[in-house]
Amino acid sequence: MTWEDRTACADLRRLVEAESKTGDLPALRHCAAVLSEIGSRILGPAAQARTVDSPAGPILQWRIGAPPWNVGLIGHYDTVHPVGTLAEWPFTVEGMVARGPGVHDMKAGILTILYGVAAAMAADPAGLDGIVIHLCPDEEEGSRWSRGELAALRDAGLRVAAVFEGDDTSGGSVVTQRKSGLWVDVRFSGRSAHGSRPELGSNALLALADYTARLPGLADPVLETTVVPTRAASGTAINTVPEASVLTVDCRTITQAEQDRVLAGLSALGTSVAGVGIEVTILHMFPPMDSVMSAPVYRALREAAESAGLNPPRNAGGNGISDASHLSAMGVWVIDGLGPTGGGDHSDEEWVDLASMKERIALTAAAIPALSRVARAAPAPGADESPWPRDQVQAQHDRRSANVVA
C-alpha cells in the first residue's frame, strides 16, 4: 500500500470501529463526531461543515464553493449492526480486502466521497462551486427524518445527485435503476376463547395463515413484483384461541403503478375467518428509482471517466433501495452505486475491495466537474421533464393504514 492507501485504510478502521446502529443515538452521535473530524481533516478549511440535529441523530454536511448547492454527494453512516458486534467480528485487512460491520454499507463509500472531493479540490482549487456532501444517520430505516433535509436541498437548488452505496456486482458498475420498497405490518384482531371452545372465539392466527396463503396472488413474476411474508407473531398461551396476530410483508416493484396496485391489494386481500379485523400499516416506503432520472448523470459519468483515462462504469439495476429512490421521486437527476466493490452487506461476511475504493475515488474526482455541468442544464424538480411530482414521495410515505373486517 502507498502512504495514501494506508491513511485511507486507517480512516476506514476508525469509522468501522465507531459502531453506529440505526436508532442507537449515543452510538450515532459518537460516530458522527469521529466522521466530522475525519471529514474536516480530509477536506480542509475550504469546505464549510454543517451539522443538522434530528431525532434520528446528526446529519452531517460539507459545502464546497458558492451556492446554489446544485450537486449532492450522498451517503449514510448508520448500519444494521448492533453495538457490540465489533467485539466478536473486528475490523481486519488481508491484502486489499477489508472486513467488518458496515465496511461496505457504507463506510467505505463515505471515504470515497471525502477523498474524491479532496482530490477534485486539489486539481482545481478555485473551480468547484455548488457541491454539498450529505451524510445521514437513518437510511437503513427509510431516512424517515433525513429525507426532509434532502427535500430542503432540492428546494434550495439541488439538481443532480450521486449516491455512494457500494457496488455489489463483480466490479465496475453503477446503479441506474432501483425497485421500490414497501414494508407493511398486517394486524389481525379477533376474539380470544378457551382452547376447548374455539367456536366462541375468532382465531387471529387462522386469519393470518389464510391471508398469508393468498399473498402469492399479489406477486407478478413477469413484472418482477415480489410480495414476501418475512415475520409473524401470534398467541399468548398454549390453550387459548389467539385474539391478535401480526404479519410483516416485504414488497418490491419496478414501477410506481405496481407499488400502488400491491398496496391496494394488501388492504383488499381479506380473510375467510369470520369476526377478524385486518389493519394494514405502512412501516417504510421507498418509491422506485427510475432510469429516466439517472440517464443524463450516467452519460456524464462515462464521459468523465473516458476523459480521465479511467474505465467507464457499466450500468446496472440495484437489488436494494437507497436515498437515490427518494431523490429520483423528488425530481432530482440521480445515480447510485458509486461506492467501492464489496459484498456481504447486513451479514457477518461483509467486505470491501480497497483497490476498487482507490479507483472510485479517482472516478469521483473526475466526475465532479462533469456533474456540475449537468446540474446547470437540469430542469427544476417538478418541471414537465420530471416523471415524478415533487412531493409524491412524502405523500406516499405518510399514507398509513386501511381497515377491513371479515
Protein backbone atom coordinates (compact mmCIF):
# COMPACT_ATOMS: atom_id res chain seq x y z
CA MET A 1 0.00 0.00 0.00
CA THR A 2 1.10 3.59 -0.59
CA TRP A 3 1.10 6.15 2.21
CA GLU A 4 -2.24 7.48 0.89
CA ASP A 5 -3.73 3.96 0.90
CA ARG A 6 -2.60 3.38 4.49
CA THR A 7 -4.13 6.69 5.59
CA ALA A 8 -7.46 5.89 3.95
CA CYS A 9 -7.38 2.41 5.47
CA ALA A 10 -6.71 3.89 8.91
CA ASP A 11 -9.70 6.22 8.44
CA LEU A 12 -11.83 3.25 7.40
CA ARG A 13 -10.80 1.37 10.54
CA ARG A 14 -11.79 4.35 12.72
CA LEU A 15 -15.19 4.63 11.04
CA VAL A 16 -15.96 0.92 11.26
CA GLU A 17 -14.86 0.82 14.89
CA ALA A 18 -17.24 3.72 15.64
CA GLU A 19 -20.27 1.42 15.67
CA SER A 20 -23.43 3.15 14.52
CA LYS A 21 -26.60 1.06 14.58
CA THR A 22 -29.65 2.92 13.27
CA GLY A 23 -31.67 4.24 16.20
CA ASP A 24 -28.86 3.98 18.76
CA LEU A 25 -28.45 7.70 19.41
CA PRO A 26 -25.36 7.58 21.67
CA ALA A 27 -23.55 5.38 19.14
CA LEU A 28 -24.64 7.53 16.20
CA ARG A 29 -23.50 10.72 17.93
CA HIS A 30 -20.11 9.17 18.65
CA CYS A 31 -19.73 8.01 15.04
CA ALA A 32 -20.81 11.43 13.79
CA ALA A 33 -18.11 13.07 15.92
CA VAL A 34 -15.46 10.71 14.53
CA LEU A 35 -16.71 11.23 10.99
CA SER A 36 -16.84 15.01 11.42
CA GLU A 37 -13.20 15.09 12.48
CA ILE A 38 -12.11 12.81 9.62
CA GLY A 39 -14.12 14.73 7.02
CA SER A 40 -12.91 18.16 8.08
CA ARG A 41 -9.30 16.92 8.10
CA ILE A 42 -9.57 15.44 4.59
CA LEU A 43 -11.48 18.34 3.05
CA GLY A 44 -9.67 21.19 4.80
CA PRO A 45 -10.92 24.64 5.73
CA ALA A 46 -12.31 25.40 2.25
CA ALA A 47 -15.23 23.05 2.97
CA GLN A 48 -17.93 24.55 5.16
CA ALA A 49 -19.00 21.98 7.76
CA ARG A 50 -22.63 21.93 8.89
CA THR A 51 -24.47 19.67 11.33
CA VAL A 52 -28.25 19.35 11.36
CA ASP A 53 -29.67 17.80 14.53
CA SER A 54 -32.56 15.40 14.03
CA PRO A 55 -34.45 12.89 16.19
CA ALA A 56 -32.56 10.16 14.31
CA GLY A 57 -29.13 11.62 15.04
CA PRO A 58 -26.81 14.23 13.49
CA ILE A 59 -27.00 14.87 9.74
CA LEU A 60 -23.53 15.91 8.55
CA GLN A 61 -22.91 18.18 5.58
CA TRP A 62 -19.95 19.90 3.96
CA ARG A 63 -20.43 22.62 1.36
CA ILE A 64 -17.76 23.48 -1.17
CA GLY A 65 -17.69 26.71 -3.17
CA ALA A 66 -20.57 29.14 -3.55
CA PRO A 67 -24.31 28.42 -3.67
CA PRO A 68 -26.64 27.27 -5.09
CA TRP A 69 -25.75 23.77 -3.90
CA ASN A 70 -26.80 22.02 -7.09
CA VAL A 71 -24.65 18.85 -6.90
CA GLY A 72 -25.12 16.48 -3.99
CA LEU A 73 -22.85 13.61 -2.95
CA ILE A 74 -24.96 11.43 -0.72
CA GLY A 75 -24.25 8.74 1.85
CA HIS A 76 -25.23 7.36 5.25
CA TYR A 77 -23.18 6.38 8.28
CA ASP A 78 -25.75 4.23 10.10
CA THR A 79 -25.53 0.45 9.85
CA VAL A 80 -27.73 -2.53 10.73
CA HIS A 81 -25.17 -3.95 13.19
CA PRO A 82 -25.84 -3.51 16.95
CA VAL A 83 -23.19 -2.08 19.22
CA GLY A 84 -21.06 -4.97 20.42
CA THR A 85 -20.84 -6.68 17.04
CA LEU A 86 -17.26 -5.46 16.70
CA ALA A 87 -16.16 -7.43 19.76
CA GLU A 88 -16.92 -10.71 18.01
CA TRP A 89 -16.21 -9.55 14.47
CA PRO A 90 -13.40 -6.97 14.45
CA PHE A 91 -12.19 -4.88 11.55
CA THR A 92 -9.48 -6.73 9.60
CA VAL A 93 -7.44 -6.19 6.44
CA GLU A 94 -5.99 -9.08 4.43
CA GLY A 95 -4.21 -8.00 1.27
CA MET A 96 -6.56 -5.48 -0.34
CA VAL A 97 -9.75 -6.76 1.31
CA ALA A 98 -11.15 -5.11 4.44
CA ARG A 99 -13.84 -6.77 6.57
CA GLY A 100 -16.02 -5.57 9.38
CA PRO A 101 -19.54 -4.42 10.29
CA GLY A 102 -20.66 -1.64 7.95
CA VAL A 103 -17.40 -1.61 5.98
CA HIS A 104 -19.19 -1.82 2.60
CA ASP A 105 -22.62 -0.49 3.56
CA MET A 106 -21.42 2.15 3.53
CA LYS A 107 -18.43 3.48 5.42
CA ALA A 108 -16.02 2.84 2.54
CA GLY A 109 -18.44 4.78 0.32
CA ILE A 110 -18.28 7.74 2.70
CA LEU A 111 -14.50 7.85 2.43
CA THR A 112 -14.79 7.58 -1.35
CA ILE A 113 -16.81 10.81 -1.27
CA LEU A 114 -14.44 12.63 1.05
CA TYR A 115 -11.20 11.63 -0.68
CA GLY A 116 -12.75 12.10 -4.13
CA VAL A 117 -13.86 15.65 -3.34
CA ALA A 118 -10.47 16.43 -1.81
CA ALA A 119 -8.77 15.25 -5.00
CA ALA A 120 -11.09 17.38 -7.13
CA MET A 121 -10.38 20.41 -4.92
CA ALA A 122 -6.63 19.83 -5.23
CA ALA A 123 -6.90 19.59 -9.02
CA ASP A 124 -8.89 22.83 -9.32
CA PRO A 125 -8.72 24.77 -6.02
CA ALA A 126 -10.87 27.67 -7.18
CA GLY A 127 -13.07 25.89 -9.69
CA LEU A 128 -15.52 23.90 -7.57
CA ASP A 129 -18.83 25.54 -6.74
CA GLY A 130 -22.18 24.36 -5.50
CA ILE A 131 -21.08 20.97 -4.11
CA VAL A 132 -22.77 19.59 -0.98
CA ILE A 133 -21.87 16.38 0.83
CA HIS A 134 -24.80 14.94 2.80
CA LEU A 135 -24.34 12.04 5.25
CA CYS A 136 -27.39 10.84 7.19
CA PRO A 137 -27.96 8.63 10.29
CA ASP A 138 -31.19 6.82 9.36
CA GLU A 139 -31.04 5.44 5.80
CA GLU A 140 -31.27 1.82 6.95
CA GLU A 141 -34.78 2.54 8.25
CA GLY A 142 -36.06 4.60 5.36
CA SER A 143 -34.48 8.03 6.01
CA ARG A 144 -37.64 8.98 7.85
CA TRP A 145 -36.11 12.14 9.30
CA SER A 146 -33.23 12.93 6.99
CA ARG A 147 -35.21 12.84 3.75
CA GLY A 148 -36.73 16.15 4.83
CA GLU A 149 -33.24 17.63 4.64
CA LEU A 150 -32.87 16.16 1.13
CA ALA A 151 -36.14 17.87 0.19
CA ALA A 152 -34.79 21.13 1.63
CA LEU A 153 -31.65 20.80 -0.51
CA ARG A 154 -33.82 20.18 -3.56
CA ASP A 155 -35.89 23.27 -2.82
CA ALA A 156 -32.66 25.27 -2.43
CA GLY A 157 -31.35 24.25 -5.85
CA LEU A 158 -30.16 20.62 -5.80
CA ARG A 159 -30.43 19.33 -9.37
CA VAL A 160 -28.03 16.36 -9.60
CA ALA A 161 -27.01 13.80 -7.00
CA ALA A 162 -24.64 10.84 -6.78
CA VAL A 163 -25.24 8.24 -4.07
CA PHE A 164 -22.29 6.16 -2.89
CA GLU A 165 -23.81 2.85 -1.94
CA GLY A 166 -21.29 0.10 -2.68
CA ASP A 167 -21.02 -1.74 -5.97
CA ASP A 168 -22.16 -5.30 -5.20
CA THR A 169 -21.53 -6.69 -8.69
CA SER A 170 -18.25 -8.11 -9.93
CA GLY A 171 -16.98 -4.53 -10.10
CA GLY A 172 -17.12 -1.60 -12.48
CA SER A 173 -20.87 -0.90 -12.35
CA VAL A 174 -23.10 1.90 -11.13
CA VAL A 175 -26.81 1.71 -10.36
CA THR A 176 -29.19 3.41 -12.79
CA GLN A 177 -32.46 1.88 -11.57
CA ARG A 178 -33.82 0.52 -8.30
CA LYS A 179 -37.04 -1.20 -7.37
CA SER A 180 -39.46 0.39 -4.95
CA GLY A 181 -39.58 -0.92 -1.39
CA LEU A 182 -42.70 -1.28 0.72
CA TRP A 183 -42.87 -2.88 4.17
CA VAL A 184 -46.18 -3.28 5.99
CA ASP A 185 -47.45 -4.83 9.18
CA VAL A 186 -50.78 -6.60 8.78
CA ARG A 187 -52.54 -6.83 12.15
CA PHE A 188 -55.38 -9.29 12.77
CA SER A 189 -57.82 -8.58 15.61
CA GLY A 190 -60.10 -11.43 16.70
CA ARG A 191 -61.62 -12.67 19.93
CA SER A 192 -59.99 -14.97 22.48
CA ALA A 193 -61.62 -18.10 23.88
CA HIS A 194 -60.61 -21.22 25.74
CA GLY A 195 -58.90 -23.79 23.57
CA SER A 196 -61.64 -26.29 24.34
CA ARG A 197 -64.34 -23.93 23.00
CA PRO A 198 -62.85 -22.45 19.79
CA GLU A 199 -66.32 -21.72 18.41
CA LEU A 200 -66.65 -18.94 21.00
CA GLY A 201 -63.66 -17.05 19.63
CA SER A 202 -62.38 -15.59 16.38
CA ASN A 203 -58.93 -17.03 15.69
CA ALA A 204 -56.50 -14.31 14.60
CA LEU A 205 -53.78 -16.90 13.87
CA LEU A 206 -56.02 -18.77 11.43
CA ALA A 207 -56.77 -15.43 9.75
CA LEU A 208 -53.02 -14.73 9.46
CA ALA A 209 -52.46 -18.15 7.89
CA ASP A 210 -55.33 -17.67 5.44
CA TYR A 211 -54.09 -14.19 4.49
CA THR A 212 -50.50 -15.42 4.06
CA ALA A 213 -51.66 -18.17 1.70
CA ARG A 214 -53.29 -15.51 -0.51
CA LEU A 215 -50.18 -13.28 -0.74
CA PRO A 216 -48.57 -15.04 -3.74
CA GLY A 217 -51.52 -13.89 -5.84
CA LEU A 218 -50.32 -10.28 -5.49
CA ALA A 219 -46.87 -11.04 -6.90
CA ASP A 220 -46.17 -10.81 -10.65
CA PRO A 221 -43.06 -12.64 -11.93
CA VAL A 222 -43.41 -11.07 -15.38
CA LEU A 223 -43.19 -7.55 -13.90
CA GLU A 224 -40.62 -8.70 -11.30
CA THR A 225 -43.02 -7.81 -8.49
CA THR A 226 -42.30 -9.70 -5.28
CA VAL A 227 -44.53 -9.96 -2.19
CA VAL A 228 -42.81 -11.85 0.63
CA PRO A 229 -44.01 -12.57 4.19
CA THR A 230 -40.97 -12.06 6.42
CA ARG A 231 -42.07 -12.37 10.06
CA ALA A 232 -45.14 -13.31 12.12
CA ALA A 233 -46.26 -13.37 15.73
CA SER A 234 -49.38 -14.65 17.46
CA GLY A 235 -50.74 -16.18 20.65
CA THR A 236 -50.20 -15.78 24.37
CA ALA A 237 -50.88 -19.25 25.79
CA ILE A 238 -50.93 -22.88 24.64
CA ASN A 239 -54.62 -23.31 25.49
CA THR A 240 -56.11 -20.04 24.22
CA VAL A 241 -57.56 -19.01 20.87
CA PRO A 242 -55.31 -16.10 19.74
CA GLU A 243 -57.13 -12.78 19.62
CA ALA A 244 -54.26 -10.94 17.91
CA SER A 245 -51.65 -11.69 15.25
CA VAL A 246 -49.25 -9.60 13.18
CA LEU A 247 -47.59 -10.37 9.86
CA THR A 248 -44.84 -8.32 8.18
CA VAL A 249 -44.69 -8.27 4.38
CA ASP A 250 -41.84 -7.10 2.10
CA CYS A 251 -42.93 -5.84 -1.35
CA ARG A 252 -40.68 -4.79 -4.28
CA THR A 253 -41.78 -3.37 -7.65
CA ILE A 254 -40.14 -1.76 -10.64
CA THR A 255 -42.82 0.87 -11.22
CA GLN A 256 -44.86 3.18 -9.04
CA ALA A 257 -48.09 1.87 -10.55
CA GLU A 258 -47.19 -1.64 -9.39
CA GLN A 259 -46.43 -0.41 -5.87
CA ASP A 260 -49.82 1.31 -5.77
CA ARG A 261 -51.51 -1.90 -7.01
CA VAL A 262 -49.79 -4.05 -4.38
CA LEU A 263 -50.64 -1.64 -1.55
CA ALA A 264 -54.29 -1.59 -2.58
CA GLY A 265 -54.24 -5.37 -2.88
CA LEU A 266 -52.84 -5.84 0.62
CA SER A 267 -55.73 -3.81 2.03
CA ALA A 268 -58.32 -5.69 -0.02
CA LEU A 269 -56.98 -9.23 0.37
CA GLY A 270 -59.17 -10.06 3.35
CA THR A 271 -59.66 -13.37 5.13
CA SER A 272 -62.33 -16.06 5.25
CA VAL A 273 -62.13 -16.26 9.05
CA ALA A 274 -65.28 -14.65 10.43
CA GLY A 275 -65.05 -11.91 13.02
CA VAL A 276 -61.41 -10.97 12.46
CA GLY A 277 -60.48 -7.39 11.58
CA ILE A 278 -57.46 -6.55 9.45
CA GLU A 279 -55.35 -3.37 9.62
CA VAL A 280 -52.54 -2.73 7.14
CA THR A 281 -49.93 -0.26 8.42
CA ILE A 282 -47.03 1.06 6.34
CA LEU A 283 -43.70 0.70 8.13
CA HIS A 284 -41.42 2.06 5.40
CA MET A 285 -41.98 3.07 1.80
CA PHE A 286 -39.43 3.88 -0.88
CA PRO A 287 -40.50 4.85 -4.40
CA PRO A 288 -38.66 3.32 -7.35
CA MET A 289 -35.53 4.95 -8.75
CA ASP A 290 -36.42 5.46 -12.38
CA SER A 291 -33.77 5.04 -15.08
CA VAL A 292 -35.08 8.21 -16.78
CA MET A 293 -33.75 10.20 -13.82
CA SER A 294 -30.29 8.61 -14.00
CA ALA A 295 -29.66 8.72 -17.77
CA PRO A 296 -28.13 12.25 -18.00
CA VAL A 297 -25.90 11.63 -14.98
CA TYR A 298 -24.77 8.24 -16.28
CA ARG A 299 -23.76 9.74 -19.63
CA ALA A 300 -21.75 12.46 -17.89
CA LEU A 301 -20.09 9.90 -15.63
CA ARG A 302 -18.95 7.76 -18.56
CA GLU A 303 -17.64 10.75 -20.48
CA ALA A 304 -15.72 11.99 -17.43
CA ALA A 305 -14.17 8.54 -16.91
CA GLU A 306 -13.09 8.29 -20.54
CA SER A 307 -11.58 11.78 -20.50
CA ALA A 308 -9.59 10.89 -17.37
CA GLY A 309 -8.35 7.61 -18.82
CA LEU A 310 -10.44 5.53 -16.41
CA ASN A 311 -12.64 2.55 -17.19
CA PRO A 312 -16.18 3.83 -17.87
CA PRO A 313 -18.65 2.25 -15.44
CA ARG A 314 -21.32 -0.13 -16.70
CA ASN A 315 -24.97 0.48 -15.81
CA ALA A 316 -26.88 -2.00 -13.68
CA GLY A 317 -30.02 -2.33 -11.64
CA GLY A 318 -29.79 -2.34 -7.86
CA ASN A 319 -31.14 -5.15 -5.68
CA GLY A 320 -31.78 -2.94 -2.68
CA ILE A 321 -33.02 0.58 -2.11
CA SER A 322 -31.38 3.80 -1.02
CA ASP A 323 -31.77 7.57 -0.80
CA ALA A 324 -31.45 7.60 -4.59
CA SER A 325 -35.05 6.37 -4.62
CA HIS A 326 -36.23 9.41 -2.66
CA LEU A 327 -34.18 11.82 -4.77
CA SER A 328 -35.50 10.35 -8.01
CA ALA A 329 -39.07 10.78 -6.80
CA MET A 330 -38.27 14.36 -5.77
CA GLY A 331 -37.32 15.16 -9.36
CA VAL A 332 -33.53 15.23 -8.87
CA TRP A 333 -31.37 13.60 -11.55
CA VAL A 334 -29.54 10.89 -9.63
CA ILE A 335 -27.22 7.92 -9.98
CA ASP A 336 -26.24 5.36 -7.35
CA GLY A 337 -23.67 2.67 -6.67
CA LEU A 338 -20.57 4.88 -6.82
CA GLY A 339 -19.09 3.24 -3.74
CA PRO A 340 -16.37 0.60 -3.98
CA THR A 341 -16.89 -3.07 -4.81
CA GLY A 342 -17.75 -5.40 -1.97
CA GLY A 343 -20.45 -7.64 -0.63
CA GLY A 344 -21.99 -9.47 2.32
CA ASP A 345 -23.99 -6.42 3.36
CA HIS A 346 -26.06 -6.85 6.55
CA SER A 347 -24.18 -10.04 7.43
CA ASP A 348 -21.04 -11.14 9.26
CA GLU A 349 -19.33 -11.67 5.90
CA GLU A 350 -19.31 -8.00 4.83
CA TRP A 351 -16.19 -6.98 2.91
CA VAL A 352 -14.84 -4.27 0.62
CA ASP A 353 -12.13 -4.24 -2.04
CA LEU A 354 -9.68 -1.47 -1.15
CA ALA A 355 -8.26 -1.37 -4.68
CA SER A 356 -11.73 -0.56 -6.03
CA MET A 357 -12.06 2.15 -3.39
CA LYS A 358 -9.00 3.83 -4.84
CA GLU A 359 -10.50 3.54 -8.35
CA ARG A 360 -13.80 5.03 -7.23
CA ILE A 361 -12.02 7.94 -5.54
CA ALA A 362 -10.36 8.73 -8.88
CA LEU A 363 -13.71 8.40 -10.70
CA THR A 364 -15.38 10.73 -8.18
CA ALA A 365 -12.68 13.37 -8.59
CA ALA A 366 -13.02 13.21 -12.39
CA ALA A 367 -16.82 13.24 -12.30
CA ILE A 368 -17.47 16.26 -10.08
CA PRO A 369 -16.84 18.94 -12.75
CA ALA A 370 -19.00 16.97 -15.20
CA LEU A 371 -21.81 16.67 -12.66
CA SER A 372 -21.68 20.43 -12.14
CA ARG A 373 -22.14 21.00 -15.88
CA VAL A 374 -25.11 18.62 -15.94
CA ALA A 375 -26.64 20.35 -12.91
CA ARG A 376 -26.53 23.73 -14.63
CA ALA A 377 -28.54 22.28 -17.53
CA ALA A 378 -31.01 20.26 -15.42
CA PRO A 379 -34.65 21.34 -15.13
CA ALA A 380 -36.05 22.44 -11.81
CA PRO A 381 -37.61 19.49 -9.93
CA GLY A 382 -41.30 19.29 -10.63
CA ALA A 383 -40.94 20.67 -14.17
CA ASP A 384 -42.58 18.82 -17.05
CA GLU A 385 -39.35 16.95 -17.77
CA SER A 386 -39.57 15.13 -14.42
CA PRO A 387 -41.73 12.00 -14.32
CA TRP A 388 -42.44 12.38 -10.59
CA PRO A 389 -44.48 15.04 -8.75
CA ARG A 390 -42.22 16.88 -6.34
CA ASP A 391 -43.88 15.75 -3.14
CA GLN A 392 -45.10 12.33 -4.24
CA VAL A 393 -42.60 10.50 -2.04
CA GLN A 394 -43.72 12.38 1.08
CA ALA A 395 -47.39 11.79 0.35
CA GLN A 396 -46.82 8.08 -0.25
CA HIS A 397 -44.79 7.59 2.90
CA ASP A 398 -47.41 9.33 5.00
CA ARG A 399 -50.22 7.01 3.92
CA ARG A 400 -50.65 4.76 6.89
CA SER A 401 -53.43 2.19 7.02
CA ALA A 402 -56.63 0.70 5.70
CA ASN A 403 -59.12 -1.46 7.64
CA VAL A 404 -61.12 -4.49 6.57
CA VAL A 405 -63.35 -6.63 8.77
CA ALA A 406 -64.32 -10.12 7.55
